[in-house]
Amino acid sequence: MKVLVLNGPNLGRLGRRQPEIYGSTTYADLVSLCQEWGAAVGLDVEVRQTNHEGELLDWLNRAADDETPVVLNAAAWTHYSLALYDACAQLTAPMVELHISDPKQRPEEFRHHSVVTPHAATEIVGQGVDGYRQALEFLAGR
């Protein structure tokens, strides 16, 4: 089964951006780990990252058309993008909402709301990059 792992803004800077929050794993390492973890549970994993909201929306729309399961770390867009809300509403295959940190435990109040959650089969938050492994295992078990 094919699975898309979609990452939003600034996640391409993993390992360099606020390592005290997001850890020291680089984005390139994350891509490799996701592919390895997916293969271990029989998934064909494609990992993508963008800083452009329209591109993420296009990927979600294609996933909806193809009925492709998604692991989504929409990053900052999680908290305010109504276009993201609408794109997630179209998904028919399961979608896992993922955050490396736990947004609800962050001091910024705006991070405590998610437009993705209403459409997610499950949420995985605060598990660091290991959350991606957990998300892939969740989708493999469905």
N, C-alpha and C. Protein backbone atom coordinates (compact mmCIF):
# COMPACT_ATOMS: atom_id res chain seq x y z
N MET A 1 0.85 -1.18 0.00
CA MET A 1 0.00 0.00 0.00
C MET A 1 0.89 1.24 0.00
N LYS A 2 0.52 2.20 -0.84
CA LYS A 2 1.24 3.46 -0.90
C LYS A 2 0.72 4.39 0.19
N VAL A 3 1.65 5.12 0.84
CA VAL A 3 1.32 6.11 1.85
C VAL A 3 2.12 7.37 1.56
N LEU A 4 1.45 8.50 1.65
CA LEU A 4 2.14 9.78 1.54
C LEU A 4 2.41 10.34 2.93
N VAL A 5 3.63 10.76 3.17
CA VAL A 5 4.00 11.46 4.39
C VAL A 5 4.25 12.90 3.96
N LEU A 6 3.34 13.79 4.35
CA LEU A 6 3.39 15.18 3.90
C LEU A 6 3.76 16.10 5.05
N ASN A 7 4.74 16.94 4.80
CA ASN A 7 5.27 17.86 5.81
C ASN A 7 5.17 19.29 5.33
N GLY A 8 4.73 20.16 6.23
CA GLY A 8 4.54 21.56 5.90
C GLY A 8 5.75 22.43 6.17
N PRO A 9 5.51 23.72 6.35
CA PRO A 9 6.57 24.72 6.38
C PRO A 9 7.60 24.50 7.48
N ASN A 10 8.82 24.77 7.09
CA ASN A 10 10.00 24.76 7.95
C ASN A 10 10.47 23.37 8.37
N LEU A 11 9.72 22.33 8.06
CA LEU A 11 10.15 20.99 8.46
C LEU A 11 11.36 20.50 7.66
N GLY A 12 11.63 21.12 6.53
CA GLY A 12 12.85 20.82 5.79
C GLY A 12 14.11 21.25 6.54
N ARG A 13 13.93 22.02 7.60
CA ARG A 13 15.06 22.48 8.41
C ARG A 13 15.24 21.66 9.69
N LEU A 14 14.60 20.51 9.75
CA LEU A 14 14.77 19.64 10.92
C LEU A 14 16.25 19.41 11.19
N GLY A 15 16.61 19.35 12.44
CA GLY A 15 18.01 19.16 12.85
C GLY A 15 18.73 20.47 13.03
N ARG A 16 18.23 21.52 12.39
CA ARG A 16 18.84 22.85 12.50
C ARG A 16 17.89 23.84 13.16
N ARG A 17 16.61 23.64 13.01
CA ARG A 17 15.61 24.57 13.53
C ARG A 17 15.17 24.11 14.92
N GLN A 18 15.41 24.92 15.92
CA GLN A 18 14.99 24.67 17.28
C GLN A 18 15.13 23.21 17.70
N PRO A 19 16.36 22.70 17.72
CA PRO A 19 16.55 21.29 18.09
C PRO A 19 16.06 20.96 19.50
N GLU A 20 15.97 21.96 20.36
CA GLU A 20 15.44 21.71 21.70
C GLU A 20 13.96 21.33 21.66
N ILE A 21 13.28 21.67 20.58
CA ILE A 21 11.86 21.32 20.42
C ILE A 21 11.70 20.15 19.46
N TYR A 22 12.42 20.21 18.33
CA TYR A 22 12.20 19.26 17.24
C TYR A 22 13.25 18.17 17.13
N GLY A 23 14.30 18.22 17.96
CA GLY A 23 15.31 17.18 17.96
C GLY A 23 16.42 17.45 16.95
N SER A 24 17.35 16.52 16.87
CA SER A 24 18.54 16.69 16.03
C SER A 24 18.48 15.88 14.73
N THR A 25 17.43 15.10 14.54
CA THR A 25 17.30 14.34 13.30
C THR A 25 17.10 15.30 12.14
N THR A 26 17.88 15.15 11.10
CA THR A 26 17.73 16.03 9.93
C THR A 26 16.54 15.57 9.08
N TYR A 27 16.12 16.43 8.18
CA TYR A 27 15.03 16.06 7.29
C TYR A 27 15.42 14.88 6.41
N ALA A 28 16.66 14.90 5.90
CA ALA A 28 17.13 13.77 5.07
C ALA A 28 17.09 12.47 5.86
N ASP A 29 17.47 12.53 7.13
CA ASP A 29 17.40 11.35 7.98
C ASP A 29 15.95 10.91 8.18
N LEU A 30 15.05 11.87 8.36
CA LEU A 30 13.64 11.55 8.55
C LEU A 30 13.09 10.83 7.32
N VAL A 31 13.43 11.31 6.15
CA VAL A 31 12.97 10.66 4.91
C VAL A 31 13.42 9.20 4.88
N SER A 32 14.69 8.98 5.15
CA SER A 32 15.23 7.60 5.16
C SER A 32 14.53 6.75 6.20
N LEU A 33 14.35 7.29 7.40
CA LEU A 33 13.69 6.54 8.47
C LEU A 33 12.26 6.17 8.08
N CYS A 34 11.53 7.12 7.52
CA CYS A 34 10.14 6.83 7.13
C CYS A 34 10.07 5.74 6.08
N GLN A 35 10.98 5.78 5.12
CA GLN A 35 10.99 4.73 4.10
C GLN A 35 11.34 3.38 4.70
N GLU A 36 12.31 3.35 5.61
CA GLU A 36 12.68 2.09 6.29
C GLU A 36 11.54 1.58 7.15
N TRP A 37 10.96 2.45 7.96
CA TRP A 37 9.86 2.05 8.84
C TRP A 37 8.68 1.56 8.01
N GLY A 38 8.37 2.25 6.92
CA GLY A 38 7.27 1.83 6.06
C GLY A 38 7.52 0.47 5.45
N ALA A 39 8.72 0.28 4.90
CA ALA A 39 9.06 -1.01 4.28
C ALA A 39 8.93 -2.14 5.29
N ALA A 40 9.29 -1.88 6.53
CA ALA A 40 9.24 -2.91 7.57
C ALA A 40 7.81 -3.39 7.85
N VAL A 41 6.82 -2.53 7.55
CA VAL A 41 5.42 -2.93 7.78
C VAL A 41 4.65 -3.04 6.46
N GLY A 42 5.39 -3.16 5.35
CA GLY A 42 4.78 -3.43 4.05
C GLY A 42 4.20 -2.23 3.33
N LEU A 43 4.68 -1.04 3.65
CA LEU A 43 4.17 0.17 3.01
C LEU A 43 5.20 0.74 2.04
N ASP A 44 4.70 1.30 0.96
CA ASP A 44 5.52 2.05 0.01
C ASP A 44 5.34 3.52 0.39
N VAL A 45 6.35 4.12 1.01
CA VAL A 45 6.24 5.45 1.59
C VAL A 45 6.92 6.48 0.71
N GLU A 46 6.18 7.52 0.42
CA GLU A 46 6.73 8.69 -0.29
C GLU A 46 6.65 9.87 0.67
N VAL A 47 7.79 10.52 0.91
CA VAL A 47 7.87 11.63 1.86
C VAL A 47 8.07 12.92 1.08
N ARG A 48 7.27 13.93 1.42
CA ARG A 48 7.37 15.23 0.76
C ARG A 48 7.33 16.35 1.82
N GLN A 49 7.95 17.47 1.46
CA GLN A 49 7.93 18.66 2.31
C GLN A 49 7.81 19.89 1.43
N THR A 50 7.01 20.85 1.89
CA THR A 50 6.88 22.10 1.16
C THR A 50 6.69 23.28 2.10
N ASN A 51 7.13 24.42 1.64
CA ASN A 51 6.87 25.68 2.34
C ASN A 51 5.77 26.46 1.64
N HIS A 52 5.09 25.83 0.67
CA HIS A 52 4.08 26.50 -0.13
C HIS A 52 2.73 25.81 0.08
N GLU A 53 1.81 26.51 0.68
CA GLU A 53 0.54 25.92 1.07
C GLU A 53 -0.22 25.32 -0.11
N GLY A 54 -0.23 26.00 -1.24
CA GLY A 54 -0.94 25.49 -2.41
C GLY A 54 -0.41 24.15 -2.87
N GLU A 55 0.89 23.95 -2.75
CA GLU A 55 1.48 22.67 -3.13
C GLU A 55 0.98 21.56 -2.21
N LEU A 56 0.92 21.83 -0.92
CA LEU A 56 0.40 20.83 0.02
C LEU A 56 -1.05 20.51 -0.30
N LEU A 57 -1.84 21.54 -0.61
CA LEU A 57 -3.25 21.33 -0.96
C LEU A 57 -3.38 20.47 -2.21
N ASP A 58 -2.52 20.72 -3.20
CA ASP A 58 -2.54 19.89 -4.41
C ASP A 58 -2.24 18.44 -4.08
N TRP A 59 -1.26 18.20 -3.21
CA TRP A 59 -0.92 16.82 -2.83
C TRP A 59 -2.09 16.16 -2.13
N LEU A 60 -2.75 16.88 -1.23
CA LEU A 60 -3.90 16.32 -0.52
C LEU A 60 -5.06 16.04 -1.47
N ASN A 61 -5.27 16.92 -2.43
CA ASN A 61 -6.34 16.67 -3.41
C ASN A 61 -6.06 15.43 -4.24
N ARG A 62 -4.80 15.23 -4.64
CA ARG A 62 -4.44 14.02 -5.38
C ARG A 62 -4.61 12.78 -4.50
N ALA A 63 -4.23 12.90 -3.23
CA ALA A 63 -4.41 11.77 -2.31
C ALA A 63 -5.89 11.43 -2.17
N ALA A 64 -6.74 12.44 -2.16
CA ALA A 64 -8.19 12.20 -2.10
C ALA A 64 -8.66 11.49 -3.36
N ASP A 65 -8.19 11.95 -4.51
CA ASP A 65 -8.59 11.32 -5.78
C ASP A 65 -8.13 9.88 -5.86
N ASP A 66 -6.91 9.62 -5.36
CA ASP A 66 -6.31 8.28 -5.46
C ASP A 66 -6.63 7.39 -4.26
N GLU A 67 -7.32 7.93 -3.26
CA GLU A 67 -7.63 7.22 -2.02
C GLU A 67 -6.36 6.72 -1.35
N THR A 68 -5.36 7.59 -1.29
CA THR A 68 -4.07 7.27 -0.69
C THR A 68 -4.06 7.69 0.78
N PRO A 69 -3.69 6.80 1.69
CA PRO A 69 -3.55 7.18 3.10
C PRO A 69 -2.44 8.22 3.25
N VAL A 70 -2.59 9.08 4.27
CA VAL A 70 -1.68 10.19 4.47
C VAL A 70 -1.27 10.30 5.94
N VAL A 71 0.03 10.57 6.14
CA VAL A 71 0.53 11.05 7.42
C VAL A 71 0.78 12.53 7.18
N LEU A 72 0.14 13.39 7.96
CA LEU A 72 0.21 14.83 7.71
C LEU A 72 0.76 15.58 8.91
N ASN A 73 1.90 16.22 8.71
CA ASN A 73 2.42 17.19 9.67
C ASN A 73 2.35 18.54 8.95
N ALA A 74 1.23 19.21 9.11
CA ALA A 74 1.00 20.46 8.40
C ALA A 74 1.69 21.65 9.07
N ALA A 75 2.36 21.40 10.18
CA ALA A 75 3.12 22.44 10.89
C ALA A 75 2.21 23.64 11.17
N ALA A 76 2.68 24.84 10.92
CA ALA A 76 1.93 26.05 11.29
C ALA A 76 0.56 26.13 10.62
N TRP A 77 0.42 25.57 9.42
CA TRP A 77 -0.88 25.63 8.74
C TRP A 77 -1.96 24.90 9.53
N THR A 78 -1.56 23.99 10.38
CA THR A 78 -2.49 23.22 11.21
C THR A 78 -3.44 24.13 11.97
N HIS A 79 -2.95 25.29 12.35
CA HIS A 79 -3.67 26.11 13.32
C HIS A 79 -4.63 27.13 12.71
N TYR A 80 -4.55 27.34 11.39
CA TYR A 80 -5.38 28.43 10.86
C TYR A 80 -5.84 28.26 9.42
N SER A 81 -5.36 27.28 8.68
CA SER A 81 -5.65 27.21 7.25
C SER A 81 -7.00 26.55 6.98
N LEU A 82 -7.98 27.37 6.61
CA LEU A 82 -9.28 26.81 6.26
C LEU A 82 -9.21 26.05 4.94
N ALA A 83 -8.29 26.42 4.06
CA ALA A 83 -8.08 25.65 2.83
C ALA A 83 -7.58 24.24 3.17
N LEU A 84 -6.72 24.13 4.16
CA LEU A 84 -6.24 22.83 4.62
C LEU A 84 -7.40 22.03 5.21
N TYR A 85 -8.23 22.67 6.01
CA TYR A 85 -9.40 22.02 6.57
C TYR A 85 -10.25 21.40 5.45
N ASP A 86 -10.52 22.20 4.41
CA ASP A 86 -11.33 21.72 3.29
C ASP A 86 -10.66 20.58 2.54
N ALA A 87 -9.35 20.67 2.34
CA ALA A 87 -8.63 19.60 1.64
C ALA A 87 -8.66 18.30 2.44
N CYS A 88 -8.48 18.40 3.74
CA CYS A 88 -8.52 17.20 4.59
C CYS A 88 -9.92 16.59 4.62
N ALA A 89 -10.95 17.43 4.52
CA ALA A 89 -12.32 16.93 4.54
C ALA A 89 -12.62 16.03 3.34
N GLN A 90 -11.86 16.19 2.26
CA GLN A 90 -12.09 15.40 1.05
C GLN A 90 -11.46 14.01 1.10
N LEU A 91 -10.54 13.80 2.04
CA LEU A 91 -9.82 12.53 2.10
C LEU A 91 -10.78 11.40 2.45
N THR A 92 -10.65 10.29 1.73
CA THR A 92 -11.47 9.12 2.03
C THR A 92 -10.64 8.02 2.68
N ALA A 93 -9.36 7.96 2.36
CA ALA A 93 -8.47 7.01 3.03
C ALA A 93 -8.07 7.62 4.37
N PRO A 94 -7.60 6.81 5.31
CA PRO A 94 -7.24 7.35 6.62
C PRO A 94 -6.08 8.35 6.54
N MET A 95 -6.18 9.34 7.42
CA MET A 95 -5.15 10.35 7.55
C MET A 95 -4.76 10.43 9.03
N VAL A 96 -3.45 10.43 9.27
CA VAL A 96 -2.93 10.59 10.63
C VAL A 96 -2.38 12.00 10.76
N GLU A 97 -2.85 12.71 11.77
CA GLU A 97 -2.29 14.03 12.08
C GLU A 97 -1.09 13.81 12.99
N LEU A 98 0.02 14.40 12.61
CA LEU A 98 1.26 14.18 13.35
C LEU A 98 1.93 15.52 13.68
N HIS A 99 2.46 15.59 14.89
CA HIS A 99 3.28 16.73 15.31
C HIS A 99 4.44 16.20 16.14
N ILE A 100 5.63 16.65 15.82
CA ILE A 100 6.83 16.20 16.54
C ILE A 100 6.76 16.61 18.00
N SER A 101 6.36 17.86 18.24
CA SER A 101 6.13 18.31 19.61
C SER A 101 4.63 18.17 19.88
N ASP A 102 4.21 18.49 21.09
CA ASP A 102 2.79 18.48 21.41
C ASP A 102 2.30 19.92 21.39
N PRO A 103 1.60 20.32 20.33
CA PRO A 103 1.19 21.72 20.23
C PRO A 103 0.41 22.24 21.43
N LYS A 104 -0.38 21.37 22.06
CA LYS A 104 -1.19 21.83 23.19
C LYS A 104 -0.34 22.09 24.44
N GLN A 105 0.88 21.60 24.44
CA GLN A 105 1.79 21.85 25.56
C GLN A 105 2.73 23.01 25.30
N ARG A 106 2.65 23.59 24.12
CA ARG A 106 3.48 24.73 23.76
C ARG A 106 2.90 26.00 24.37
N PRO A 107 3.72 26.98 24.68
CA PRO A 107 3.21 28.18 25.35
C PRO A 107 2.37 29.09 24.47
N GLU A 108 2.53 28.99 23.13
CA GLU A 108 1.78 29.87 22.25
C GLU A 108 0.34 29.37 22.14
N GLU A 109 -0.59 30.20 22.53
CA GLU A 109 -2.01 29.84 22.54
C GLU A 109 -2.52 29.43 21.16
N PHE A 110 -2.03 30.07 20.10
CA PHE A 110 -2.53 29.77 18.75
C PHE A 110 -2.25 28.33 18.36
N ARG A 111 -1.25 27.69 18.97
CA ARG A 111 -0.91 26.31 18.62
C ARG A 111 -1.89 25.28 19.20
N HIS A 112 -2.78 25.72 20.05
CA HIS A 112 -3.66 24.79 20.75
C HIS A 112 -4.89 24.40 19.93
N HIS A 113 -5.04 24.96 18.75
CA HIS A 113 -6.18 24.65 17.88
C HIS A 113 -5.68 23.99 16.59
N SER A 114 -6.42 22.98 16.13
CA SER A 114 -6.05 22.30 14.89
C SER A 114 -7.26 22.21 13.96
N VAL A 115 -7.06 22.60 12.71
CA VAL A 115 -8.11 22.42 11.70
C VAL A 115 -8.03 21.03 11.07
N VAL A 116 -6.99 20.30 11.38
CA VAL A 116 -6.77 18.96 10.82
C VAL A 116 -7.48 17.89 11.64
N THR A 117 -7.48 18.04 12.95
CA THR A 117 -7.98 17.02 13.87
C THR A 117 -9.37 16.48 13.51
N PRO A 118 -10.33 17.32 13.11
CA PRO A 118 -11.66 16.76 12.82
C PRO A 118 -11.67 15.71 11.71
N HIS A 119 -10.63 15.68 10.90
CA HIS A 119 -10.59 14.76 9.76
C HIS A 119 -9.60 13.62 9.95
N ALA A 120 -8.92 13.59 11.06
CA ALA A 120 -7.87 12.60 11.29
C ALA A 120 -8.44 11.31 11.89
N ALA A 121 -7.90 10.19 11.43
CA ALA A 121 -8.25 8.90 12.03
C ALA A 121 -7.65 8.80 13.43
N THR A 122 -6.50 9.42 13.62
CA THR A 122 -5.86 9.50 14.92
C THR A 122 -4.85 10.65 14.89
N GLU A 123 -4.44 11.08 16.08
CA GLU A 123 -3.40 12.09 16.23
C GLU A 123 -2.22 11.46 16.93
N ILE A 124 -1.03 11.79 16.51
CA ILE A 124 0.18 11.38 17.21
C ILE A 124 0.98 12.66 17.45
N VAL A 125 1.14 13.02 18.70
CA VAL A 125 1.81 14.27 19.05
C VAL A 125 2.83 14.04 20.14
N GLY A 126 3.89 14.85 20.11
CA GLY A 126 4.86 14.85 21.20
C GLY A 126 5.75 13.64 21.27
N GLN A 127 5.85 12.87 20.19
CA GLN A 127 6.66 11.65 20.21
C GLN A 127 7.98 11.83 19.45
N GLY A 128 8.30 13.07 19.09
CA GLY A 128 9.50 13.30 18.30
C GLY A 128 9.34 12.65 16.93
N VAL A 129 10.45 12.39 16.26
CA VAL A 129 10.36 11.78 14.93
C VAL A 129 9.84 10.34 15.00
N ASP A 130 9.91 9.72 16.18
CA ASP A 130 9.36 8.37 16.31
C ASP A 130 7.86 8.35 16.06
N GLY A 131 7.21 9.50 16.17
CA GLY A 131 5.79 9.59 15.86
C GLY A 131 5.50 9.17 14.43
N TYR A 132 6.43 9.41 13.52
CA TYR A 132 6.25 8.99 12.14
C TYR A 132 6.19 7.46 12.05
N ARG A 133 7.05 6.78 12.80
CA ARG A 133 7.02 5.31 12.83
C ARG A 133 5.66 4.85 13.35
N GLN A 134 5.21 5.46 14.43
CA GLN A 134 3.92 5.10 15.01
C GLN A 134 2.77 5.33 14.03
N ALA A 135 2.85 6.43 13.29
CA ALA A 135 1.79 6.73 12.31
C ALA A 135 1.77 5.70 11.20
N LEU A 136 2.94 5.33 10.71
CA LEU A 136 3.01 4.32 9.64
C LEU A 136 2.52 2.97 10.13
N GLU A 137 2.87 2.59 11.35
CA GLU A 137 2.37 1.34 11.92
C GLU A 137 0.85 1.38 12.07
N PHE A 138 0.31 2.52 12.47
CA PHE A 138 -1.14 2.67 12.58
C PHE A 138 -1.80 2.42 11.22
N LEU A 139 -1.27 3.07 10.18
CA LEU A 139 -1.87 2.91 8.85
C LEU A 139 -1.70 1.48 8.32
N ALA A 140 -0.58 0.85 8.62
CA ALA A 140 -0.36 -0.53 8.16
C ALA A 140 -1.34 -1.49 8.83
N GLY A 141 -1.77 -1.17 10.02
CA GLY A 141 -2.68 -2.04 10.76
C GLY A 141 -4.14 -1.86 10.39
N ARG A 142 -4.44 -0.91 9.53
CA ARG A 142 -5.85 -0.64 9.14
C ARG A 142 -6.26 -1.48 7.96
